[in-house]
Amino acid sequence: MDPRCEDWMSGLPEQLWDVPLTDLALPGSHDAMSYCLDAGSPLVPSESDAFRLLDRLFSCVTRPVIFKWATTQDKSIEEQLSMGIRFFDLRVAHKPNDPSDDLYFTHVIYTHVAVLETLSSVSVWLKSHPKEVVILACSHFEGIDDKLHESFILSLKKLFGSKLCPKKEAVLTLRSLWTSGFQVLLSYDSQAAARHADLWPPIPYWWANQRTAQGVTSYLDWNKDLGRPEGFFVSGLNLTADRFYVAENPKQSLRKLTVDNWEGLRTWLEEQEPGSGPRSLNIIAGDFVGPLPLCALVIALNKKLLRRNAAAAR
């Protein structure tokens, strides 16, 4: 772990304190909570009936495979924060037939750690890092009805309190956020968010759905050619394998696939630039952000903003 990444926002040169947060390069974690998946939990309801039947009949075979391919991270959320991650892809759900209102994270199956327990640890971490700002992107919400949405949102407001930055038109910069004491931008991908000024809308995520570095980077370059979205957006530097590939490669795993393709992803990443230009990037999210140096590489891209601003001033 690079100690310089733990408080990297407060460590940025002052020339970048007034740059819009949407123009900075921010490291992100794809399926951030998949490090604590519960292999004994049920499949999420959106999985197909055929796969559900296969899992019920041959769980001794399917569960190890699910675990190898659904796990995208191997560090806790506190460790990811300390490594420099500032955007978290959080997939929230309510377990079927669970009489409680407890919510869990999902990726094919459920985590054994509850949502509010996890986010409480984020709140604690932020207290000791008062100039670091995080974006929490909550989505999917399987099994959550309107009543449970309202209860969950109320809990989030209570948990983060004055740290929660409301959605507003003013340009957000590190300096403005520090002045206001805001540390959390909460993106909420549900119609329930429209009733709450504290919540931000869904953040576009460029997801390639490819299993090679070339496939991923070609997709991202194609999106760059179309022009960047307004506001925050995520470039997903993460690989995906379909079930045919998984079945044909029983000894493979998402971790091995990611590591094997890392040099191609890294080369592309080092060529990118943050900023307001049509081909500039903002949030860059990846898998296995612990063993791979995604955070340091993304944070380092902000040096290009310094050089560009200095050149423009001459």
C-alpha atoms as a PDB file:
ATOM      1  CA  MET A   1       0.000   0.000   0.000  1.00  0.00           C
ATOM      2  CA  ASP A   2       1.394   3.384  -1.019  1.00  0.00           C
ATOM      3  CA  PRO A   3       0.907   5.756   1.968  1.00  0.00           C
ATOM      4  CA  ARG A   4       0.854   8.698  -0.430  1.00  0.00           C
ATOM      5  CA  CYS A   5      -2.478   7.451  -1.822  1.00  0.00           C
ATOM      6  CA  GLU A   6      -4.306   7.376   1.523  1.00  0.00           C
ATOM      7  CA  ASP A   7      -4.794  11.173   1.546  1.00  0.00           C
ATOM      8  CA  TRP A   8      -4.060  11.857  -2.088  1.00  0.00           C
ATOM      9  CA  MET A   9      -6.790  14.454  -2.568  1.00  0.00           C
ATOM     10  CA  SER A  10      -5.492  16.677   0.227  1.00  0.00           C
ATOM     11  CA  GLY A  11      -1.992  16.095  -1.140  1.00  0.00           C
ATOM     12  CA  LEU A  12      -2.764  17.439  -4.616  1.00  0.00           C
ATOM     13  CA  PRO A  13      -1.016  20.695  -5.591  1.00  0.00           C
ATOM     14  CA  GLU A  14      -3.076  23.790  -4.795  1.00  0.00           C
ATOM     15  CA  GLN A  15      -3.421  24.528  -8.518  1.00  0.00           C
ATOM     16  CA  LEU A  16      -5.849  21.578  -8.714  1.00  0.00           C
ATOM     17  CA  TRP A  17      -8.036  22.499  -5.740  1.00  0.00           C
ATOM     18  CA  ASP A  18     -10.292  24.634  -7.951  1.00  0.00           C
ATOM     19  CA  VAL A  19     -10.515  22.183 -10.856  1.00  0.00           C
ATOM     20  CA  PRO A  20     -14.026  20.661 -11.141  1.00  0.00           C
ATOM     21  CA  LEU A  21     -14.153  17.198  -9.601  1.00  0.00           C
ATOM     22  CA  THR A  22     -15.584  15.961 -12.897  1.00  0.00           C
ATOM     23  CA  ASP A  23     -12.298  16.958 -14.584  1.00  0.00           C
ATOM     24  CA  LEU A  24      -9.991  15.127 -12.170  1.00  0.00           C
ATOM     25  CA  ALA A  25      -8.900  11.513 -12.644  1.00  0.00           C
ATOM     26  CA  LEU A  26     -10.494   9.471  -9.843  1.00  0.00           C
ATOM     27  CA  PRO A  27      -9.722   5.774  -9.156  1.00  0.00           C
ATOM     28  CA  GLY A  28     -12.774   3.544  -8.843  1.00  0.00           C
ATOM     29  CA  SER A  29     -13.610   0.022  -7.701  1.00  0.00           C
ATOM     30  CA  HIS A  30     -15.855  -2.147  -9.881  1.00  0.00           C
ATOM     31  CA  ASP A  31     -18.194  -4.393  -7.847  1.00  0.00           C
ATOM     32  CA  ALA A  32     -16.392  -3.053  -4.815  1.00  0.00           C
ATOM     33  CA  MET A  33     -17.890  -5.428  -2.233  1.00  0.00           C
ATOM     34  CA  SER A  34     -17.393  -8.736  -4.036  1.00  0.00           C
ATOM     35  CA  TYR A  35     -14.436  -9.544  -1.750  1.00  0.00           C
ATOM     36  CA  CYS A  36     -16.902 -10.782   0.879  1.00  0.00           C
ATOM     37  CA  LEU A  37     -19.338 -12.886  -1.165  1.00  0.00           C
ATOM     38  CA  ASP A  38     -21.087 -15.651   0.770  1.00  0.00           C
ATOM     39  CA  ALA A  39     -20.729 -18.896  -1.200  1.00  0.00           C
ATOM     40  CA  GLY A  40     -23.651 -20.365   0.748  1.00  0.00           C
ATOM     41  CA  SER A  41     -26.121 -17.590  -0.054  1.00  0.00           C
ATOM     42  CA  PRO A  42     -28.861 -17.974  -2.688  1.00  0.00           C
ATOM     43  CA  LEU A  43     -28.526 -16.773  -6.248  1.00  0.00           C
ATOM     44  CA  VAL A  44     -29.991 -13.352  -6.962  1.00  0.00           C
ATOM     45  CA  PRO A  45     -33.507 -13.566  -8.481  1.00  0.00           C
ATOM     46  CA  SER A  46     -32.397 -12.143 -11.836  1.00  0.00           C
ATOM     47  CA  GLU A  47     -30.392 -15.280 -12.644  1.00  0.00           C
ATOM     48  CA  SER A  48     -32.073 -17.571 -15.180  1.00  0.00           C
ATOM     49  CA  ASP A  49     -34.278 -20.495 -14.149  1.00  0.00           C
ATOM     50  CA  ALA A  50     -31.963 -22.898 -15.993  1.00  0.00           C
ATOM     51  CA  PHE A  51     -28.909 -21.675 -14.092  1.00  0.00           C
ATOM     52  CA  ARG A  52     -30.868 -21.763 -10.845  1.00  0.00           C
ATOM     53  CA  LEU A  53     -31.804 -25.415 -11.466  1.00  0.00           C
ATOM     54  CA  LEU A  54     -28.209 -26.309 -12.351  1.00  0.00           C
ATOM     55  CA  ASP A  55     -26.996 -24.634  -9.176  1.00  0.00           C
ATOM     56  CA  ARG A  56     -29.559 -26.472  -7.078  1.00  0.00           C
ATOM     57  CA  LEU A  57     -28.586 -29.872  -8.509  1.00  0.00           C
ATOM     58  CA  PHE A  58     -24.813 -29.428  -8.727  1.00  0.00           C
ATOM     59  CA  SER A  59     -23.924 -26.721  -6.202  1.00  0.00           C
ATOM     60  CA  CYS A  60     -20.671 -28.510  -5.342  1.00  0.00           C
ATOM     61  CA  VAL A  61     -19.570 -27.704  -8.900  1.00  0.00           C
ATOM     62  CA  THR A  62     -21.293 -24.392  -9.571  1.00  0.00           C
ATOM     63  CA  ARG A  63     -20.443 -22.579  -6.321  1.00  0.00           C
ATOM     64  CA  PRO A  64     -16.638 -22.692  -6.634  1.00  0.00           C
ATOM     65  CA  VAL A  65     -16.986 -21.504 -10.240  1.00  0.00           C
ATOM     66  CA  ILE A  66     -19.366 -18.686  -9.267  1.00  0.00           C
ATOM     67  CA  PHE A  67     -16.998 -17.606  -6.526  1.00  0.00           C
ATOM     68  CA  LYS A  68     -13.987 -17.504  -8.897  1.00  0.00           C
ATOM     69  CA  TRP A  69     -15.800 -15.421 -11.501  1.00  0.00           C
ATOM     70  CA  ALA A  70     -18.034 -13.213  -9.343  1.00  0.00           C
ATOM     71  CA  THR A  71     -15.183 -12.058  -7.107  1.00  0.00           C
ATOM     72  CA  THR A  72     -13.692  -8.863  -8.549  1.00  0.00           C
ATOM     73  CA  GLN A  73     -11.906  -7.487  -5.454  1.00  0.00           C
ATOM     74  CA  ASP A  74      -9.821  -8.990  -2.655  1.00  0.00           C
ATOM     75  CA  LYS A  75      -9.406  -6.012  -0.298  1.00  0.00           C
ATOM     76  CA  SER A  76     -11.872  -4.648   2.270  1.00  0.00           C
ATOM     77  CA  ILE A  77     -13.555  -1.329   1.633  1.00  0.00           C
ATOM     78  CA  GLU A  78     -11.374   0.338   4.280  1.00  0.00           C
ATOM     79  CA  GLU A  79      -8.263  -1.007   2.541  1.00  0.00           C
ATOM     80  CA  GLN A  80      -9.551   0.194  -0.820  1.00  0.00           C
ATOM     81  CA  LEU A  81     -10.129   3.660   0.643  1.00  0.00           C
ATOM     82  CA  SER A  82      -6.601   3.736   2.026  1.00  0.00           C
ATOM     83  CA  MET A  83      -5.236   2.626  -1.352  1.00  0.00           C
ATOM     84  CA  GLY A  84      -6.841   5.680  -2.954  1.00  0.00           C
ATOM     85  CA  ILE A  85     -10.168   4.427  -4.330  1.00  0.00           C
ATOM     86  CA  ARG A  86     -12.705   7.274  -4.377  1.00  0.00           C
ATOM     87  CA  PHE A  87     -15.550   5.767  -6.451  1.00  0.00           C
ATOM     88  CA  PHE A  88     -17.336   2.627  -5.282  1.00  0.00           C
ATOM     89  CA  ASP A  89     -19.696   0.533  -7.433  1.00  0.00           C
ATOM     90  CA  LEU A  90     -22.142  -0.809  -4.816  1.00  0.00           C
ATOM     91  CA  ARG A  91     -24.847  -3.279  -5.877  1.00  0.00           C
ATOM     92  CA  VAL A  92     -27.490  -3.411  -3.183  1.00  0.00           C
ATOM     93  CA  ALA A  93     -30.249  -5.995  -2.671  1.00  0.00           C
ATOM     94  CA  HIS A  94     -32.652  -7.575  -0.200  1.00  0.00           C
ATOM     95  CA  LYS A  95     -32.411 -11.333   0.146  1.00  0.00           C
ATOM     96  CA  PRO A  96     -35.525 -13.259  -0.903  1.00  0.00           C
ATOM     97  CA  ASN A  97     -37.646 -14.550   1.989  1.00  0.00           C
ATOM     98  CA  ASP A  98     -35.656 -12.530   4.532  1.00  0.00           C
ATOM     99  CA  PRO A  99     -38.156 -11.158   7.104  1.00  0.00           C
ATOM    100  CA  SER A 100     -35.725  -8.429   8.193  1.00  0.00           C
ATOM    101  CA  ASP A 101     -35.009  -5.165   6.394  1.00  0.00           C
ATOM    102  CA  ASP A 102     -31.287  -5.929   6.245  1.00  0.00           C
ATOM    103  CA  LEU A 103     -29.680  -5.204   2.887  1.00  0.00           C
ATOM    104  CA  TYR A 104     -26.629  -6.890   1.365  1.00  0.00           C
ATOM    105  CA  PHE A 105     -24.378  -6.369  -1.616  1.00  0.00           C
ATOM    106  CA  THR A 106     -24.608  -8.694  -4.606  1.00  0.00           C
ATOM    107  CA  HIS A 107     -22.775 -10.056  -7.600  1.00  0.00           C
ATOM    108  CA  VAL A 108     -24.594 -13.239  -8.687  1.00  0.00           C
ATOM    109  CA  ILE A 109     -24.789 -14.196  -4.981  1.00  0.00           C
ATOM    110  CA  TYR A 110     -24.950 -12.103  -1.801  1.00  0.00           C
ATOM    111  CA  THR A 111     -22.265 -10.845   0.546  1.00  0.00           C
ATOM    112  CA  HIS A 112     -22.124 -11.966   4.164  1.00  0.00           C
ATOM    113  CA  VAL A 113     -21.568  -8.335   5.252  1.00  0.00           C
ATOM    114  CA  ALA A 114     -24.605  -6.045   5.466  1.00  0.00           C
ATOM    115  CA  VAL A 115     -24.775  -2.712   3.650  1.00  0.00           C
ATOM    116  CA  LEU A 116     -25.207  -0.343   6.599  1.00  0.00           C
ATOM    117  CA  GLU A 117     -22.447  -2.089   8.542  1.00  0.00           C
ATOM    118  CA  THR A 118     -20.085  -1.521   5.621  1.00  0.00           C
ATOM    119  CA  LEU A 119     -21.066   2.089   5.026  1.00  0.00           C
ATOM    120  CA  SER A 120     -20.655   2.801   8.734  1.00  0.00           C
ATOM    121  CA  SER A 121     -17.005   1.816   8.371  1.00  0.00           C
ATOM    122  CA  VAL A 122     -16.733   4.248   5.432  1.00  0.00           C
ATOM    123  CA  SER A 123     -18.124   7.028   7.644  1.00  0.00           C
ATOM    124  CA  VAL A 124     -15.583   6.216  10.353  1.00  0.00           C
ATOM    125  CA  TRP A 125     -12.727   6.244   7.824  1.00  0.00           C
ATOM    126  CA  LEU A 126     -13.805   9.641   6.501  1.00  0.00           C
ATOM    127  CA  LYS A 127     -13.689  11.164   9.995  1.00  0.00           C
ATOM    128  CA  SER A 128      -9.959  10.498  10.132  1.00  0.00           C
ATOM    129  CA  HIS A 129      -9.438  11.712   6.545  1.00  0.00           C
ATOM    130  CA  PRO A 130     -11.451  14.979   6.510  1.00  0.00           C
ATOM    131  CA  LYS A 131     -10.241  16.188   3.102  1.00  0.00           C
ATOM    132  CA  GLU A 132     -10.951  12.996   1.163  1.00  0.00           C
ATOM    133  CA  VAL A 133     -14.147  12.829  -0.927  1.00  0.00           C
ATOM    134  CA  VAL A 134     -15.880   9.614  -2.015  1.00  0.00           C
ATOM    135  CA  ILE A 135     -18.576   8.813  -4.554  1.00  0.00           C
ATOM    136  CA  LEU A 136     -20.845   5.933  -3.528  1.00  0.00           C
ATOM    137  CA  ALA A 137     -22.834   4.599  -6.495  1.00  0.00           C
ATOM    138  CA  CYS A 138     -25.712   2.442  -5.241  1.00  0.00           C
ATOM    139  CA  SER A 139     -27.534   0.442  -7.912  1.00  0.00           C
ATOM    140  CA  HIS A 140     -29.402  -2.743  -8.914  1.00  0.00           C
ATOM    141  CA  PHE A 141     -31.644  -2.874  -5.765  1.00  0.00           C
ATOM    142  CA  GLU A 142     -33.024  -6.375  -6.370  1.00  0.00           C
ATOM    143  CA  GLY A 143     -35.885  -7.232  -4.037  1.00  0.00           C
ATOM    144  CA  ILE A 144     -36.233  -3.669  -2.699  1.00  0.00           C
ATOM    145  CA  ASP A 145     -39.690  -2.092  -2.757  1.00  0.00           C
ATOM    146  CA  ASP A 146     -40.549   1.586  -2.346  1.00  0.00           C
ATOM    147  CA  LYS A 147     -40.968   1.346   1.410  1.00  0.00           C
ATOM    148  CA  LEU A 148     -37.565  -0.274   1.838  1.00  0.00           C
ATOM    149  CA  HIS A 149     -36.003   2.347  -0.434  1.00  0.00           C
ATOM    150  CA  GLU A 150     -37.289   5.112   1.814  1.00  0.00           C
ATOM    151  CA  SER A 151     -36.079   3.347   4.931  1.00  0.00           C
ATOM    152  CA  PHE A 152     -32.637   2.792   3.402  1.00  0.00           C
ATOM    153  CA  ILE A 153     -32.319   6.392   2.200  1.00  0.00           C
ATOM    154  CA  LEU A 154     -33.293   7.668   5.654  1.00  0.00           C
ATOM    155  CA  SER A 155     -30.575   5.459   7.172  1.00  0.00           C
ATOM    156  CA  LEU A 156     -27.995   6.804   4.704  1.00  0.00           C
ATOM    157  CA  LYS A 157     -28.890  10.404   5.540  1.00  0.00           C
ATOM    158  CA  LYS A 158     -28.619   9.670   9.240  1.00  0.00           C
ATOM    159  CA  LEU A 159     -25.307   7.860   8.782  1.00  0.00           C
ATOM    160  CA  PHE A 160     -23.485  10.494   6.718  1.00  0.00           C
ATOM    161  CA  GLY A 161     -25.339  13.561   8.002  1.00  0.00           C
ATOM    162  CA  SER A 162     -23.593  16.833   7.160  1.00  0.00           C
ATOM    163  CA  LYS A 163     -20.947  14.986   5.106  1.00  0.00           C
ATOM    164  CA  LEU A 164     -23.574  14.267   2.428  1.00  0.00           C
ATOM    165  CA  CYS A 165     -23.248  16.644  -0.526  1.00  0.00           C
ATOM    166  CA  PRO A 166     -26.646  17.478  -2.072  1.00  0.00           C
ATOM    167  CA  LYS A 167     -27.131  17.512  -5.821  1.00  0.00           C
ATOM    168  CA  LYS A 168     -26.723  21.078  -6.975  1.00  0.00           C
ATOM    169  CA  GLU A 169     -25.849  23.041 -10.068  1.00  0.00           C
ATOM    170  CA  ALA A 170     -22.722  24.721  -8.677  1.00  0.00           C
ATOM    171  CA  VAL A 171     -19.415  23.321  -9.919  1.00  0.00           C
ATOM    172  CA  LEU A 172     -17.893  21.047  -7.291  1.00  0.00           C
ATOM    173  CA  THR A 173     -14.206  21.442  -6.551  1.00  0.00           C
ATOM    174  CA  LEU A 174     -12.074  20.106  -3.748  1.00  0.00           C
ATOM    175  CA  ARG A 175     -11.828  23.595  -2.256  1.00  0.00           C
ATOM    176  CA  SER A 176     -15.610  24.120  -2.302  1.00  0.00           C
ATOM    177  CA  LEU A 177     -16.245  20.683  -0.793  1.00  0.00           C
ATOM    178  CA  TRP A 178     -13.666  21.246   1.956  1.00  0.00           C
ATOM    179  CA  THR A 179     -15.220  24.630   2.761  1.00  0.00           C
ATOM    180  CA  SER A 180     -18.686  23.077   3.074  1.00  0.00           C
ATOM    181  CA  GLY A 181     -17.494  19.984   4.949  1.00  0.00           C
ATOM    182  CA  PHE A 182     -18.953  17.650   2.298  1.00  0.00           C
ATOM    183  CA  GLN A 183     -17.212  14.290   1.791  1.00  0.00           C
ATOM    184  CA  VAL A 184     -19.839  11.975   0.280  1.00  0.00           C
ATOM    185  CA  LEU A 185     -21.594  12.139  -3.080  1.00  0.00           C
ATOM    186  CA  LEU A 186     -24.301   9.485  -3.074  1.00  0.00           C
ATOM    187  CA  SER A 187     -25.469   8.319  -6.498  1.00  0.00           C
ATOM    188  CA  TYR A 188     -28.733   6.373  -6.292  1.00  0.00           C
ATOM    189  CA  ASP A 189     -29.924   4.486  -9.372  1.00  0.00           C
ATOM    190  CA  SER A 190     -33.650   4.369  -8.606  1.00  0.00           C
ATOM    191  CA  GLN A 191     -36.712   6.522  -9.171  1.00  0.00           C
ATOM    192  CA  ALA A 192     -36.863   6.870  -5.386  1.00  0.00           C
ATOM    193  CA  ALA A 193     -33.912   9.282  -5.643  1.00  0.00           C
ATOM    194  CA  ALA A 194     -36.089  11.947  -7.300  1.00  0.00           C
ATOM    195  CA  ARG A 195     -37.734  12.687  -3.944  1.00  0.00           C
ATOM    196  CA  HIS A 196     -34.431  13.489  -2.237  1.00  0.00           C
ATOM    197  CA  ALA A 197     -32.202  16.487  -2.977  1.00  0.00           C
ATOM    198  CA  ASP A 198     -29.365  14.758  -1.121  1.00  0.00           C
ATOM    199  CA  LEU A 199     -29.068  12.050  -3.775  1.00  0.00           C
ATOM    200  CA  TRP A 200     -27.292  12.235  -7.110  1.00  0.00           C
ATOM    201  CA  PRO A 201     -28.612  10.568 -10.280  1.00  0.00           C
ATOM    202  CA  PRO A 202     -27.019   7.453 -11.803  1.00  0.00           C
ATOM    203  CA  ILE A 203     -23.480   7.980 -13.092  1.00  0.00           C
ATOM    204  CA  PRO A 204     -22.870   6.680 -16.641  1.00  0.00           C
ATOM    205  CA  TYR A 205     -20.590   3.629 -16.664  1.00  0.00           C
ATOM    206  CA  TRP A 206     -18.818   2.599 -19.867  1.00  0.00           C
ATOM    207  CA  TRP A 207     -18.840  -1.201 -19.614  1.00  0.00           C
ATOM    208  CA  ALA A 208     -17.214  -3.038 -22.509  1.00  0.00           C
ATOM    209  CA  ASN A 209     -18.452  -6.591 -21.799  1.00  0.00           C
ATOM    210  CA  GLN A 210     -15.189  -7.919 -23.309  1.00  0.00           C
ATOM    211  CA  ARG A 211     -12.670 -10.474 -22.037  1.00  0.00           C
ATOM    212  CA  THR A 212      -9.488  -9.063 -23.559  1.00  0.00           C
ATOM    213  CA  ALA A 213      -7.590  -5.847 -22.951  1.00  0.00           C
ATOM    214  CA  GLN A 214      -7.863  -4.987 -26.632  1.00  0.00           C
ATOM    215  CA  GLY A 215     -11.623  -5.505 -26.572  1.00  0.00           C
ATOM    216  CA  VAL A 216     -12.035  -3.297 -23.510  1.00  0.00           C
ATOM    217  CA  THR A 217      -9.791  -0.476 -24.689  1.00  0.00           C
ATOM    218  CA  SER A 218     -11.280  -0.485 -28.208  1.00  0.00           C
ATOM    219  CA  TYR A 219     -14.730  -0.080 -26.687  1.00  0.00           C
ATOM    220  CA  LEU A 220     -13.566   2.761 -24.440  1.00  0.00           C
ATOM    221  CA  ASP A 221     -11.853   4.513 -27.361  1.00  0.00           C
ATOM    222  CA  TRP A 222     -15.067   4.210 -29.372  1.00  0.00           C
ATOM    223  CA  ASN A 223     -16.970   5.936 -26.557  1.00  0.00           C
ATOM    224  CA  LYS A 224     -14.311   8.638 -26.319  1.00  0.00           C
ATOM    225  CA  ASP A 225     -14.803   9.371 -30.018  1.00  0.00           C
ATOM    226  CA  LEU A 226     -18.475  10.065 -29.288  1.00  0.00           C
ATOM    227  CA  GLY A 227     -17.554  12.652 -26.654  1.00  0.00           C
ATOM    228  CA  ARG A 228     -17.622  12.589 -22.868  1.00  0.00           C
ATOM    229  CA  PRO A 229     -20.918  12.817 -20.959  1.00  0.00           C
ATOM    230  CA  GLU A 230     -21.674  15.895 -18.898  1.00  0.00           C
ATOM    231  CA  GLY A 231     -20.763  15.576 -15.255  1.00  0.00           C
ATOM    232  CA  PHE A 232     -19.287  12.465 -13.657  1.00  0.00           C
ATOM    233  CA  PHE A 233     -18.797   9.317 -15.719  1.00  0.00           C
ATOM    234  CA  VAL A 234     -16.939   6.025 -15.312  1.00  0.00           C
ATOM    235  CA  SER A 235     -14.646   4.235 -17.732  1.00  0.00           C
ATOM    236  CA  GLY A 236     -14.734   0.569 -16.769  1.00  0.00           C
ATOM    237  CA  LEU A 237     -11.290  -0.979 -17.092  1.00  0.00           C
ATOM    238  CA  ASN A 238     -12.740  -4.385 -16.202  1.00  0.00           C
ATOM    239  CA  LEU A 239     -12.985  -7.656 -18.110  1.00  0.00           C
ATOM    240  CA  THR A 240     -15.985  -9.941 -18.518  1.00  0.00           C
ATOM    241  CA  ALA A 241     -16.261 -13.583 -19.592  1.00  0.00           C
ATOM    242  CA  ASP A 242     -19.473 -15.222 -20.766  1.00  0.00           C
ATOM    243  CA  ARG A 243     -20.626 -18.605 -19.480  1.00  0.00           C
ATOM    244  CA  PHE A 244     -19.368 -20.428 -22.557  1.00  0.00           C
ATOM    245  CA  TYR A 245     -15.838 -19.195 -21.905  1.00  0.00           C
ATOM    246  CA  VAL A 246     -16.125 -20.069 -18.209  1.00  0.00           C
ATOM    247  CA  ALA A 247     -17.334 -23.600 -19.037  1.00  0.00           C
ATOM    248  CA  GLU A 248     -14.495 -24.116 -21.515  1.00  0.00           C
ATOM    249  CA  ASN A 249     -11.833 -22.839 -19.103  1.00  0.00           C
ATOM    250  CA  PRO A 250     -12.520 -24.500 -15.743  1.00  0.00           C
ATOM    251  CA  LYS A 251      -9.069 -23.644 -14.329  1.00  0.00           C
ATOM    252  CA  GLN A 252      -9.379 -19.971 -15.253  1.00  0.00           C
ATOM    253  CA  SER A 253     -10.689 -17.210 -12.942  1.00  0.00           C
ATOM    254  CA  LEU A 254     -11.529 -13.536 -13.279  1.00  0.00           C
ATOM    255  CA  ARG A 255      -8.441 -12.675 -11.252  1.00  0.00           C
ATOM    256  CA  LYS A 256      -6.134 -14.630 -13.593  1.00  0.00           C
ATOM    257  CA  LEU A 257      -7.875 -13.188 -16.651  1.00  0.00           C
ATOM    258  CA  THR A 258      -7.411  -9.673 -15.276  1.00  0.00           C
ATOM    259  CA  VAL A 259      -3.755 -10.180 -14.368  1.00  0.00           C
ATOM    260  CA  ASP A 260      -2.995 -11.788 -17.743  1.00  0.00           C
ATOM    261  CA  ASN A 261      -4.473  -8.736 -19.523  1.00  0.00           C
ATOM    262  CA  TRP A 262      -3.105  -6.107 -17.172  1.00  0.00           C
ATOM    263  CA  GLU A 263      -0.185  -4.891 -19.286  1.00  0.00           C
ATOM    264  CA  GLY A 264      -2.527  -4.080 -22.166  1.00  0.00           C
ATOM    265  CA  LEU A 265      -4.880  -2.232 -19.827  1.00  0.00           C
ATOM    266  CA  ARG A 266      -1.984  -0.436 -18.153  1.00  0.00           C
ATOM    267  CA  THR A 267      -0.471   0.763 -21.416  1.00  0.00           C
ATOM    268  CA  TRP A 268      -3.799   2.259 -22.473  1.00  0.00           C
ATOM    269  CA  LEU A 269      -4.381   3.819 -19.045  1.00  0.00           C
ATOM    270  CA  GLU A 270      -1.032   5.615 -18.980  1.00  0.00           C
ATOM    271  CA  GLU A 271      -1.900   7.320 -22.280  1.00  0.00           C
ATOM    272  CA  GLN A 272      -5.152   8.849 -20.981  1.00  0.00           C
ATOM    273  CA  GLU A 273      -5.769  12.406 -19.825  1.00  0.00           C
ATOM    274  CA  PRO A 274      -8.260  13.920 -17.387  1.00  0.00           C
ATOM    275  CA  GLY A 275      -9.856  17.315 -17.986  1.00  0.00           C
ATOM    276  CA  SER A 276     -12.828  18.885 -19.734  1.00  0.00           C
ATOM    277  CA  GLY A 277     -11.929  17.910 -23.301  1.00  0.00           C
ATOM    278  CA  PRO A 278     -14.222  15.678 -25.370  1.00  0.00           C
ATOM    279  CA  ARG A 279     -11.780  12.746 -25.102  1.00  0.00           C
ATOM    280  CA  SER A 280     -10.844  13.291 -21.463  1.00  0.00           C
ATOM    281  CA  LEU A 281     -11.613  10.728 -18.758  1.00  0.00           C
ATOM    282  CA  ASN A 282     -12.918  11.186 -15.219  1.00  0.00           C
ATOM    283  CA  ILE A 283     -13.520   8.105 -13.032  1.00  0.00           C
ATOM    284  CA  ILE A 284     -11.565   4.991 -14.032  1.00  0.00           C
ATOM    285  CA  ALA A 285     -12.746   1.817 -12.298  1.00  0.00           C
ATOM    286  CA  GLY A 286     -11.104  -1.585 -12.285  1.00  0.00           C
ATOM    287  CA  ASP A 287     -10.993  -5.021 -10.697  1.00  0.00           C
ATOM    288  CA  PHE A 288      -8.494  -6.265  -8.095  1.00  0.00           C
ATOM    289  CA  VAL A 289      -7.403  -2.752  -7.180  1.00  0.00           C
ATOM    290  CA  GLY A 290      -5.284  -4.165  -4.355  1.00  0.00           C
ATOM    291  CA  PRO A 291      -2.745  -6.333  -6.193  1.00  0.00           C
ATOM    292  CA  LEU A 292      -2.787  -4.158  -9.337  1.00  0.00           C
ATOM    293  CA  PRO A 293      -1.486  -0.553  -9.216  1.00  0.00           C
ATOM    294  CA  LEU A 294      -4.631   1.060 -10.655  1.00  0.00           C
ATOM    295  CA  CYS A 295      -4.895   3.747  -7.963  1.00  0.00           C
ATOM    296  CA  ALA A 296      -1.380   5.129  -8.313  1.00  0.00           C
ATOM    297  CA  LEU A 297      -1.625   5.167 -12.113  1.00  0.00           C
ATOM    298  CA  VAL A 298      -4.979   6.985 -12.158  1.00  0.00           C
ATOM    299  CA  ILE A 299      -3.920   9.533  -9.528  1.00  0.00           C
ATOM    300  CA  ALA A 300      -0.723  10.221 -11.489  1.00  0.00           C
ATOM    301  CA  LEU A 301      -2.795  11.230 -14.546  1.00  0.00           C
ATOM    302  CA  ASN A 302      -3.683  14.452 -12.704  1.00  0.00           C
ATOM    303  CA  LYS A 303      -0.088  15.629 -13.239  1.00  0.00           C
ATOM    304  CA  LYS A 304      -1.037  16.078 -16.880  1.00  0.00           C
ATOM    305  CA  LEU A 305      -3.600  18.692 -15.817  1.00  0.00           C
ATOM    306  CA  LEU A 306      -0.847  20.604 -14.027  1.00  0.00           C
ATOM    307  CA  ARG A 307       1.406  20.545 -17.077  1.00  0.00           C
ATOM    308  CA  ARG A 308      -1.415  21.575 -19.398  1.00  0.00           C
ATOM    309  CA  ASN A 309      -2.508  24.441 -17.144  1.00  0.00           C
ATOM    310  CA  ALA A 310       1.092  25.613 -16.777  1.00  0.00           C
ATOM    311  CA  ALA A 311       1.567  25.574 -20.556  1.00  0.00           C
ATOM    312  CA  ALA A 312      -1.660  27.551 -21.059  1.00  0.00           C
ATOM    313  CA  ALA A 313      -0.500  30.190 -18.562  1.00  0.00           C
ATOM    314  CA  ARG A 314       2.776  30.822 -20.425  1.00  0.00           C
END
